[in-house]
Protein backbone atom coordinates (compact mmCIF):
# COMPACT_ATOMS: atom_id res chain seq x y z
CA MET A 1 79.20 21.94 -36.70
CA ILE A 2 76.84 22.85 -33.70
CA PHE A 3 74.96 25.41 -36.06
CA PHE A 4 74.12 23.14 -38.43
CA ILE A 5 72.93 20.50 -36.36
CA ILE A 6 70.80 23.58 -34.33
CA ILE A 7 69.40 24.45 -38.17
CA LEU A 8 68.66 20.12 -38.72
CA LEU A 9 66.76 20.25 -34.97
CA CYS A 10 64.95 23.46 -35.94
CA THR A 11 63.98 22.24 -39.54
CA GLY A 12 62.59 19.11 -37.69
CA PHE A 13 60.49 20.44 -35.55
CA ILE A 14 59.06 22.70 -38.40
CA ALA A 15 58.20 19.76 -39.97
CA LEU A 16 56.79 17.42 -37.30
CA PHE A 17 54.80 21.05 -36.11
CA TYR A 18 53.66 21.10 -40.13
CA ILE A 19 52.69 17.26 -39.87
CA ILE A 20 50.78 17.05 -36.74
CA ASN A 21 48.70 20.57 -37.69
CA LYS A 22 47.80 19.61 -41.00
CA SER A 23 46.73 16.12 -39.32
CA ASN A 24 44.71 18.23 -36.72
CA ASN A 25 43.50 20.17 -39.64
CA LYS A 26 42.45 16.86 -41.42
CA LYS A 27 40.31 15.49 -38.21
CA ASN A 28 38.81 18.83 -37.28
CA HIS A 29 37.71 18.91 -41.06
CA ARG A 30 36.11 15.63 -41.06
CA ILE A 31 34.44 16.02 -37.76
CA GLN A 32 32.87 19.37 -39.17
CA THR A 33 31.50 17.25 -42.08
CA GLU A 34 30.32 15.02 -39.89
CA THR A 35 28.41 16.95 -37.08
CA SER A 36 27.55 19.94 -39.00
CA PRO A 37 24.42 19.11 -41.87
CA ALA A 38 23.89 22.95 -41.87
CA ILE A 39 26.81 23.13 -44.81
CA ARG A 40 23.55 22.26 -46.61
CA ASN A 41 20.97 24.75 -47.45
CA ASN A 42 17.51 23.00 -47.98
CA PRO A 43 15.68 22.12 -45.31
CA VAL A 44 15.29 18.66 -46.88
CA ASP A 45 18.52 17.94 -47.88
CA ILE A 46 19.47 18.10 -44.30
CA GLY A 47 16.35 16.10 -43.05
CA LEU A 48 17.39 13.13 -45.12
CA MET A 49 20.65 13.43 -43.59
CA TYR A 50 19.57 12.65 -40.41
CA PHE A 51 16.67 10.50 -41.93
CA ASN A 52 19.53 7.98 -43.60
CA GLY A 53 22.43 8.85 -40.96
CA ASP A 54 24.38 10.43 -44.23
CA GLY A 55 27.41 11.74 -42.22
CA VAL A 56 25.39 11.91 -39.19
CA SER A 57 23.99 10.08 -36.32
CA GLN A 58 20.78 8.77 -37.66
CA ASN A 59 18.05 10.89 -35.87
CA TYR A 60 14.44 10.37 -36.76
CA LYS A 61 13.38 13.64 -34.25
CA GLN A 62 15.89 15.91 -36.31
CA ALA A 63 15.16 14.58 -39.27
CA LEU A 64 11.39 15.21 -38.80
CA GLU A 65 12.16 19.05 -37.81
CA TYR A 66 14.02 19.45 -40.89
CA PHE A 67 11.27 17.71 -43.11
CA GLU A 68 8.70 20.01 -41.20
CA LYS A 69 10.10 23.19 -42.06
CA ALA A 70 10.34 22.39 -45.44
CA ALA A 71 7.09 21.49 -45.31
CA ALA A 72 5.86 24.69 -43.45
CA SER A 73 7.77 26.25 -46.65
CA GLY A 74 5.69 24.09 -49.15
CA TYR A 75 8.40 21.80 -49.94
CA ALA A 76 6.35 18.41 -51.22
CA GLN A 77 9.18 16.35 -50.78
CA GLY A 78 9.73 17.70 -47.21
CA ILE A 79 5.48 17.04 -46.56
CA LEU A 80 6.45 13.23 -48.28
CA TYR A 81 8.82 12.49 -45.70
CA LYS A 82 6.83 13.99 -42.77
CA ALA A 83 4.40 11.37 -44.06
CA ILE A 84 6.70 8.52 -44.13
CA ILE A 85 7.58 9.29 -40.59
CA TYR A 86 4.49 9.35 -38.75
CA TYR A 87 3.11 6.22 -40.99
CA GLU A 88 6.14 4.18 -39.89
CA GLY A 89 6.13 5.70 -36.46
CA LEU A 90 9.88 6.41 -36.95
CA GLY A 91 11.15 8.08 -33.57
CA VAL A 92 7.52 9.40 -32.96
CA LYS A 93 3.74 8.06 -32.25
CA ALA A 94 2.89 6.46 -35.66
CA ASP A 95 -0.02 8.06 -36.66
CA ILE A 96 -1.78 6.88 -39.62
CA GLU A 97 -4.98 9.52 -40.57
CA LYS A 98 -2.34 12.28 -39.79
CA ALA A 99 0.21 10.17 -42.66
CA PHE A 100 -2.55 9.74 -45.05
CA GLU A 101 -3.61 13.81 -44.81
CA LEU A 102 0.45 14.47 -45.66
CA PHE A 103 0.58 11.76 -47.99
CA GLU A 104 -2.19 13.37 -50.24
CA ASN A 105 -1.31 16.87 -49.47
CA ALA A 106 2.23 16.19 -51.15
CA ALA A 107 0.60 14.27 -54.05
CA GLN A 108 -1.30 17.63 -54.50
CA LYS A 109 1.76 19.04 -55.02
CA GLY A 110 2.91 16.88 -57.72
CA ASN A 111 5.24 14.51 -55.35
CA THR A 112 5.24 11.24 -57.67
CA LYS A 113 6.43 8.98 -54.93
CA ALA A 114 3.37 10.57 -52.50
CA MET A 115 1.03 9.30 -55.64
CA MET A 116 2.33 5.69 -56.13
CA ILE A 117 2.14 5.21 -51.95
CA LEU A 118 -1.11 6.53 -52.23
CA GLY A 119 -2.04 4.26 -54.99
CA GLN A 120 -0.54 0.89 -53.07
CA ILE A 121 -2.42 1.88 -50.28
CA TYR A 122 -5.30 1.38 -51.95
CA MET A 123 -4.79 -0.98 -53.93
CA ASP A 124 -3.43 -3.27 -51.17
CA ALA A 125 -6.54 -2.34 -48.95
CA GLN A 126 -3.95 -0.68 -46.44
CA ILE A 127 -5.70 1.69 -43.75
CA VAL A 128 -8.33 2.35 -45.95
CA GLU A 129 -11.20 0.19 -47.71
CA GLN A 130 -9.69 -1.19 -51.12
CA ASN A 131 -10.55 0.79 -54.02
CA TYR A 132 -9.30 0.23 -57.43
CA GLN A 133 -10.71 3.38 -58.97
CA LYS A 134 -8.67 5.34 -56.09
CA ALA A 135 -5.58 3.51 -57.09
CA ASN A 136 -5.97 3.90 -60.68
CA GLU A 137 -6.29 7.64 -60.35
CA TYR A 138 -2.97 8.15 -58.35
CA PHE A 139 -1.14 5.46 -60.54
CA LEU A 140 -2.00 7.59 -63.76
CA MET A 141 -0.90 10.89 -61.96
CA ALA A 142 1.79 9.37 -61.66
CA ALA A 143 2.28 7.79 -65.00
CA ARG A 144 1.54 11.33 -66.37
CA GLN A 145 4.98 12.58 -64.99
CA GLY A 146 6.81 9.33 -66.48
CA GLU A 147 6.99 7.22 -63.51
CA GLY A 148 7.66 4.00 -64.66
CA GLU A 149 6.71 2.00 -61.87
CA ALA A 150 3.00 3.72 -61.99
CA LEU A 151 2.53 2.82 -65.76
CA PHE A 152 3.74 -0.64 -64.85
CA ASN A 153 0.94 -1.06 -62.01
CA LEU A 154 -1.31 0.35 -64.52
CA GLY A 155 -0.93 -2.50 -66.84
CA LEU A 156 -1.75 -4.87 -63.87
CA ILE A 157 -4.95 -3.24 -63.29
CA TYR A 158 -6.22 -3.18 -67.09
CA LEU A 159 -4.82 -7.06 -67.15
CA ASP A 160 -6.57 -8.37 -64.16
CA GLY A 161 -9.53 -6.07 -64.52
CA LYS A 162 -8.83 -4.45 -60.94
CA GLY A 163 -11.76 -2.07 -60.72
CA VAL A 164 -11.81 -1.64 -64.48
CA ASP A 165 -12.94 -3.88 -67.30
CA LYS A 166 -9.91 -6.24 -68.58
CA ASP A 167 -8.30 -4.93 -71.37
CA TYR A 168 -5.27 -6.68 -72.76
CA SER A 169 -4.00 -3.77 -75.15
CA LYS A 170 -4.31 -1.23 -72.74
CA ALA A 171 -2.07 -3.47 -70.17
CA ARG A 172 0.35 -4.22 -73.57
CA VAL A 173 0.49 -0.25 -73.89
CA TYR A 174 1.22 0.47 -69.99
CA PHE A 175 4.08 -2.12 -69.87
CA GLU A 176 5.69 -1.43 -73.13
CA GLN A 177 5.88 2.29 -72.06
CA ALA A 178 6.96 0.97 -68.62
CA ALA A 179 9.65 -1.11 -70.01
CA GLN A 180 10.90 1.62 -72.54
CA LYS A 181 11.90 3.07 -68.82
CA GLY A 182 13.67 -0.03 -67.73
CA ASN A 183 11.00 -1.71 -65.69
CA MET A 184 12.23 -5.28 -65.64
CA GLU A 185 8.73 -6.79 -64.71
CA ALA A 186 7.02 -4.80 -66.95
CA LYS A 187 8.92 -6.74 -69.73
CA THR A 188 8.42 -10.15 -68.56
CA ASN A 189 4.58 -9.20 -68.20
CA LEU A 190 4.86 -8.31 -71.95
CA ALA A 191 7.09 -11.74 -72.71
CA PHE A 192 3.68 -13.74 -71.08
CA ILE A 193 0.97 -11.24 -73.14
CA TYR A 194 3.07 -12.57 -76.49
CA MET A 195 3.45 -15.95 -74.88
CA ASN A 196 -0.33 -16.36 -74.09
CA GLY A 197 -1.86 -14.63 -76.96
CA GLN A 198 -3.42 -12.13 -74.55
CA GLY A 199 -4.91 -8.84 -76.99
CA VAL A 200 -2.47 -10.14 -79.46
CA SER A 201 -1.48 -12.79 -81.75
CA ARG A 202 0.53 -15.34 -80.24
CA ASP A 203 3.69 -14.88 -80.79
CA LEU A 204 6.72 -17.10 -79.24
CA GLU A 205 9.38 -15.35 -80.71
CA LYS A 206 8.54 -11.62 -79.27
CA ALA A 207 7.84 -13.73 -76.06
CA ARG A 208 11.60 -15.04 -75.87
CA GLU A 209 12.74 -11.98 -76.58
CA TYR A 210 11.30 -10.04 -73.80
CA PHE A 211 11.88 -12.95 -71.31
CA GLU A 212 15.55 -12.26 -72.74
CA LEU A 213 15.62 -8.48 -72.09
CA SER A 214 13.95 -8.96 -68.74
CA ALA A 215 16.20 -12.18 -67.45
CA ASN A 216 19.20 -9.62 -68.28
CA GLN A 217 18.23 -7.47 -65.38
CA GLY A 218 17.98 -10.42 -63.03
CA ASP A 219 14.36 -11.28 -63.50
CA ARG A 220 13.90 -14.79 -61.96
CA LYS A 221 10.71 -15.47 -63.46
CA ALA A 222 11.98 -14.60 -66.65
CA GLU A 223 15.23 -16.74 -66.67
CA TYR A 224 12.98 -19.78 -65.88
CA ASN A 225 10.54 -18.90 -68.45
CA LEU A 226 13.53 -18.15 -71.12
CA ALA A 227 15.37 -21.56 -69.70
CA LEU A 228 11.95 -23.20 -70.65
CA MET A 229 11.66 -21.62 -73.99
CA TYR A 230 15.76 -22.51 -75.14
CA TRP A 231 15.30 -25.87 -73.31
CA ASN A 232 11.82 -27.11 -75.69
CA GLY A 233 13.17 -24.76 -78.57
CA GLU A 234 10.24 -22.72 -78.55
CA GLY A 235 10.43 -19.33 -80.21
CA GLY A 236 13.78 -19.85 -81.66
CA GLU A 237 16.86 -22.32 -81.31
CA LYS A 238 16.88 -25.09 -78.89
CA ASN A 239 19.84 -24.91 -76.64
CA THR A 240 19.77 -27.23 -73.70
CA ASN A 241 23.51 -25.56 -72.33
CA LYS A 242 22.01 -21.92 -72.33
CA ALA A 243 18.52 -23.32 -70.64
CA ARG A 244 20.63 -24.88 -67.95
CA GLY A 245 22.66 -21.81 -67.52
CA TYR A 246 19.15 -19.30 -66.90
CA PHE A 247 17.58 -22.59 -64.99
CA GLU A 248 20.36 -22.47 -62.26
CA LYS A 249 20.51 -18.46 -62.30
CA ALA A 250 16.93 -18.49 -61.41
CA ALA A 251 17.15 -21.48 -59.26
CA TYR A 252 20.24 -19.23 -57.21
CA GLN A 253 17.86 -16.50 -56.76
CA ASP A 254 14.84 -18.66 -54.78
CA ASP A 255 12.82 -19.79 -58.00
CA VAL A 256 11.09 -22.69 -56.79
CA GLU A 257 10.48 -24.11 -60.09
CA ALA A 258 13.63 -23.83 -61.37
CA GLN A 259 15.26 -25.40 -58.07
CA TYR A 260 13.34 -28.32 -58.79
CA PHE A 261 13.83 -28.71 -62.36
CA VAL A 262 17.73 -28.33 -61.78
CA ALA A 263 17.69 -31.11 -58.86
CA ASN A 264 15.53 -33.20 -61.43
CA LEU A 265 18.65 -32.70 -63.87
CA TYR A 266 21.45 -33.75 -61.63
CA PHE A 267 19.21 -36.44 -60.18
CA THR A 268 18.87 -38.23 -63.40
CA GLY A 269 21.76 -37.16 -65.47
CA ASN A 270 19.72 -35.62 -67.90
CA THR A 271 22.33 -33.10 -70.02
CA VAL A 272 25.19 -33.29 -66.61
CA GLU A 273 26.59 -35.88 -65.21
CA LEU A 274 24.65 -38.03 -62.72
CA ASP A 275 25.23 -35.80 -59.25
CA TYR A 276 23.06 -37.00 -56.25
CA LYS A 277 24.52 -34.94 -53.85
CA ARG A 278 23.91 -31.51 -56.19
CA ALA A 279 20.30 -32.97 -56.68
CA PHE A 280 19.66 -33.07 -53.23
CA SER A 281 20.87 -29.51 -53.02
CA PHE A 282 18.65 -28.25 -54.96
CA TYR A 283 15.73 -30.24 -53.77
CA ASN A 284 16.15 -29.03 -50.07
CA LYS A 285 15.92 -25.70 -51.42
CA ALA A 286 12.70 -25.99 -53.02
CA ALA A 287 11.62 -28.29 -50.36
CA MET A 288 12.24 -25.64 -47.68
CA GLN A 289 9.88 -23.36 -49.60
CA GLY A 290 6.90 -25.82 -49.03
CA TYR A 291 7.36 -27.31 -53.07
CA VAL A 292 5.68 -30.34 -52.52
CA LYS A 293 7.46 -32.29 -55.55
CA ALA A 294 10.89 -31.55 -53.98
CA GLN A 295 9.39 -32.53 -50.59
CA PHE A 296 8.73 -36.04 -51.67
CA MET A 297 11.93 -36.23 -53.06
CA LEU A 298 13.97 -35.58 -50.33
CA GLY A 299 12.03 -38.21 -48.59
CA GLN A 300 13.14 -40.56 -51.24
CA MET A 301 16.17 -39.84 -51.01
CA TYR A 302 16.96 -40.74 -47.31
CA GLU A 303 14.66 -43.43 -47.36
CA GLU A 304 17.37 -44.59 -50.25
CA GLY A 305 20.39 -42.89 -48.96
CA LYS A 306 20.87 -41.29 -52.12
CA GLY A 307 23.20 -37.84 -51.90
CA VAL A 308 22.73 -38.41 -48.22
CA LEU A 309 23.44 -40.85 -45.24
CA GLN A 310 20.31 -43.17 -45.44
CA ASN A 311 17.47 -41.62 -42.34
CA ILE A 312 14.07 -42.99 -42.35
CA ASP A 313 13.16 -40.54 -39.48
CA LYS A 314 13.68 -37.79 -41.88
CA ALA A 315 12.38 -39.61 -44.87
CA VAL A 316 9.16 -40.02 -42.78
CA TYR A 317 9.55 -36.27 -41.84
CA TRP A 318 9.83 -35.35 -45.48
CA TYR A 319 6.82 -37.59 -46.70
CA GLU A 320 4.40 -36.46 -44.20
CA GLN A 321 5.11 -32.86 -45.34
CA ALA A 322 4.49 -33.61 -48.67
CA ALA A 323 1.44 -36.07 -47.85
CA ASP A 324 0.25 -33.16 -45.64
CA GLN A 325 -0.35 -31.30 -49.13
CA ASN A 326 -2.39 -34.55 -50.58
CA ASP A 327 0.63 -35.98 -52.40
CA MET A 328 -0.47 -39.39 -52.88
CA ASN A 329 2.83 -40.25 -53.93
CA ALA A 330 4.01 -39.77 -49.82
CA GLN A 331 1.12 -41.00 -49.03
CA TYR A 332 1.68 -44.10 -50.08
CA ASN A 333 5.49 -44.22 -49.01
CA LEU A 334 4.53 -43.57 -45.93
CA GLY A 335 1.64 -46.35 -45.55
CA TYR A 336 3.92 -48.63 -46.88
CA LEU A 337 6.94 -47.66 -44.48
CA TYR A 338 4.47 -48.16 -41.67
CA LEU A 339 3.13 -51.44 -43.11
CA THR A 340 6.67 -53.22 -43.77
CA GLY A 341 7.91 -51.58 -40.10
CA LYS A 342 10.66 -49.59 -42.15
CA THR A 343 9.93 -47.00 -39.48
CA SER A 344 10.63 -47.53 -35.77
CA ARG A 345 8.21 -50.06 -35.90
CA ILE A 346 4.92 -51.25 -37.74
CA ASN A 347 1.60 -49.33 -37.50
CA LEU A 348 -0.82 -50.72 -39.10
CA GLN A 349 -3.11 -48.11 -38.39
CA LYS A 350 -0.87 -45.65 -39.80
CA ALA A 351 -0.55 -47.93 -42.50
CA TYR A 352 -4.43 -48.03 -43.66
CA ASP A 353 -4.96 -44.16 -42.85
CA TYR A 354 -2.47 -43.19 -45.71
CA PHE A 355 -2.99 -46.24 -47.98
CA LYS A 356 -6.61 -44.82 -47.99
CA LYS A 357 -6.08 -41.05 -48.87
CA ALA A 358 -3.78 -42.39 -51.61
CA ALA A 359 -6.14 -44.80 -52.53
CA GLU A 360 -9.35 -42.36 -52.96
CA GLN A 361 -6.86 -39.84 -55.21
CA GLY A 362 -6.57 -43.05 -57.56
CA TYR A 363 -3.44 -44.42 -56.31
CA VAL A 364 -3.28 -48.04 -57.74
CA LEU A 365 -0.88 -49.53 -55.40
CA ALA A 366 -2.54 -48.10 -52.27
CA GLN A 367 -6.07 -49.63 -53.64
CA PHE A 368 -4.46 -52.61 -54.01
CA ASN A 369 -2.73 -52.77 -50.26
CA LEU A 370 -5.96 -51.69 -49.21
CA GLY A 371 -7.60 -54.70 -50.55
CA VAL A 372 -5.29 -56.86 -48.87
CA MET A 373 -5.69 -55.28 -45.87
CA TYR A 374 -9.48 -55.64 -45.82
CA TYR A 375 -8.42 -59.30 -47.19
CA LYS A 376 -6.70 -60.66 -44.51
CA GLY A 377 -8.10 -58.34 -41.69
CA ASP A 378 -4.89 -56.65 -40.99
CA GLY A 379 -5.17 -53.67 -38.89
CA VAL A 380 -8.93 -53.84 -40.14
CA ILE A 381 -11.76 -55.87 -39.43
CA GLN A 382 -11.54 -58.16 -42.06
CA ASP A 383 -14.15 -57.47 -44.65
CA ASN A 384 -14.42 -59.43 -47.96
CA HIS A 385 -16.97 -57.14 -49.29
CA LYS A 386 -14.89 -54.41 -48.68
CA ALA A 387 -11.48 -55.81 -50.19
CA ALA A 388 -13.21 -56.94 -53.05
CA ALA A 389 -14.17 -53.26 -54.27
CA TRP A 390 -10.64 -52.06 -53.39
CA PHE A 391 -9.89 -55.11 -55.82
CA GLN A 392 -11.97 -54.05 -58.40
CA LYS A 393 -10.68 -50.55 -58.64
CA ALA A 394 -6.88 -51.60 -58.94
CA ALA A 395 -7.50 -54.27 -61.21
CA ASP A 396 -9.73 -51.50 -63.37
CA HIS A 397 -6.26 -49.75 -64.09
CA ASN A 398 -4.82 -53.34 -65.05
CA HIS A 399 -3.29 -54.01 -62.00
CA LYS A 400 -2.09 -57.71 -62.25
CA LYS A 401 -2.52 -59.39 -59.19
CA SER A 402 -5.69 -57.46 -57.89
CA GLN A 403 -7.10 -59.04 -61.05
CA LEU A 404 -5.90 -62.40 -59.92
CA ILE A 405 -7.21 -62.31 -56.36
CA LEU A 406 -10.59 -60.63 -56.88
CA GLY A 407 -10.83 -63.39 -60.11
CA LYS A 408 -10.27 -65.78 -57.28
CA MET A 409 -13.07 -64.27 -55.06
CA TYR A 410 -15.64 -64.57 -57.94
CA LEU A 411 -14.92 -68.09 -58.25
CA GLU A 412 -15.12 -68.62 -54.57
CA GLY A 413 -17.91 -66.22 -53.99
CA ARG A 414 -15.99 -64.71 -51.49
CA GLY A 415 -17.30 -61.38 -50.15
CA ILE A 416 -19.07 -61.06 -53.87
CA PRO A 417 -21.66 -63.34 -55.86
CA HIS A 418 -20.25 -66.71 -56.89
CA ASP A 419 -19.41 -65.87 -60.80
CA HIS A 420 -17.43 -68.73 -62.62
CA GLN A 421 -17.00 -66.96 -65.72
CA LYS A 422 -16.02 -63.90 -64.37
CA GLY A 423 -13.64 -64.86 -62.75
CA MET A 424 -11.80 -66.86 -65.17
CA GLU A 425 -12.00 -64.25 -67.31
CA LEU A 426 -10.34 -61.94 -64.53
CA ILE A 427 -7.32 -64.76 -63.89
CA ARG A 428 -6.49 -65.11 -67.98
CA LEU A 429 -6.14 -60.87 -68.15
CA SER A 430 -3.80 -61.36 -65.25
CA GLU A 431 -1.74 -63.63 -66.88
CA THR A 432 -1.50 -61.38 -70.12
């Protein structure tokens, strides 16, 4: 019995030792893989481990050491990453000139990424003068190696005529080649080419086809335009459910026009159940991106308390954002709020200023209100001549009250020459 117990104890100790030893071996193996990048032979691979923090602590200086070794051995990728480190100033003092020389060296050795970077540098006038011809040369070098993004950029160059003669046919060919390599934006641009008939016969069916391909890759412009085509039945069937689905996809990707469109659907209850809260949410997303129509609608919703608690101060804030972008609806509403004292207090000067801005853009009610202010001398020096001038502008747009008051002014010769016939004509016109 004692012998049997001793055997069990020994077996237990051996098992425990095996488990501990196995655990330590695993731990030591894990530590080795984390701290010993030398298991990779290529200095570029080791440099990338330090550059990306892949299995080791990120260390740009050590990455640079390996990239320099690779560069010295003629590795184009080593030269490229050495250039990136100096260009971005990663772990070293930024040296743009040195980086540029290295990018050129890597490009000469056939590195497509270096070619793309140089093309973009010349295109965007980064560190060198803008030179579309040079950009074109580098993108062409990369395109010859099958680089999809380079093909796309060449398409853009010919589409916009940057440094070359505008050529829609060449643009389309490059976009088609880029699209075959899966470039999402190339498909979207092909859709616009067929939609607008640029260098080809207008073909809405083909445009829709390309928008669909790009939308399925998540391009928000394609989603929005495909939604419009489904909504209007362009290039194929009309399907408002599919349209709404694509509108919302684009809206959630921060496409501002899609956000505004979806907000309008919920605000009006068009093809969906009326929902002011959801409308407010989408208007808010668009307004935060500076979309003027959405800013006006937020102001209106705060003023009326639709989908949100009524808050005149917030209404004023959003109207002001839209008014600053010259939205005459917002300008008029601000004028009215200050005229009636719906804000904290009546402010006739501000009312006049906003009415004038809207009136000068042809907003009829603002023209009428300016006429009334000059007629009564509210917030301005009373001036019958100016009153008549503003009433006339509104009357010309068939505003009935303006026609009536202006007619009476002609009868009285108030601010304008007495004209009984003209006065009676305006009064009769106001009654129709």
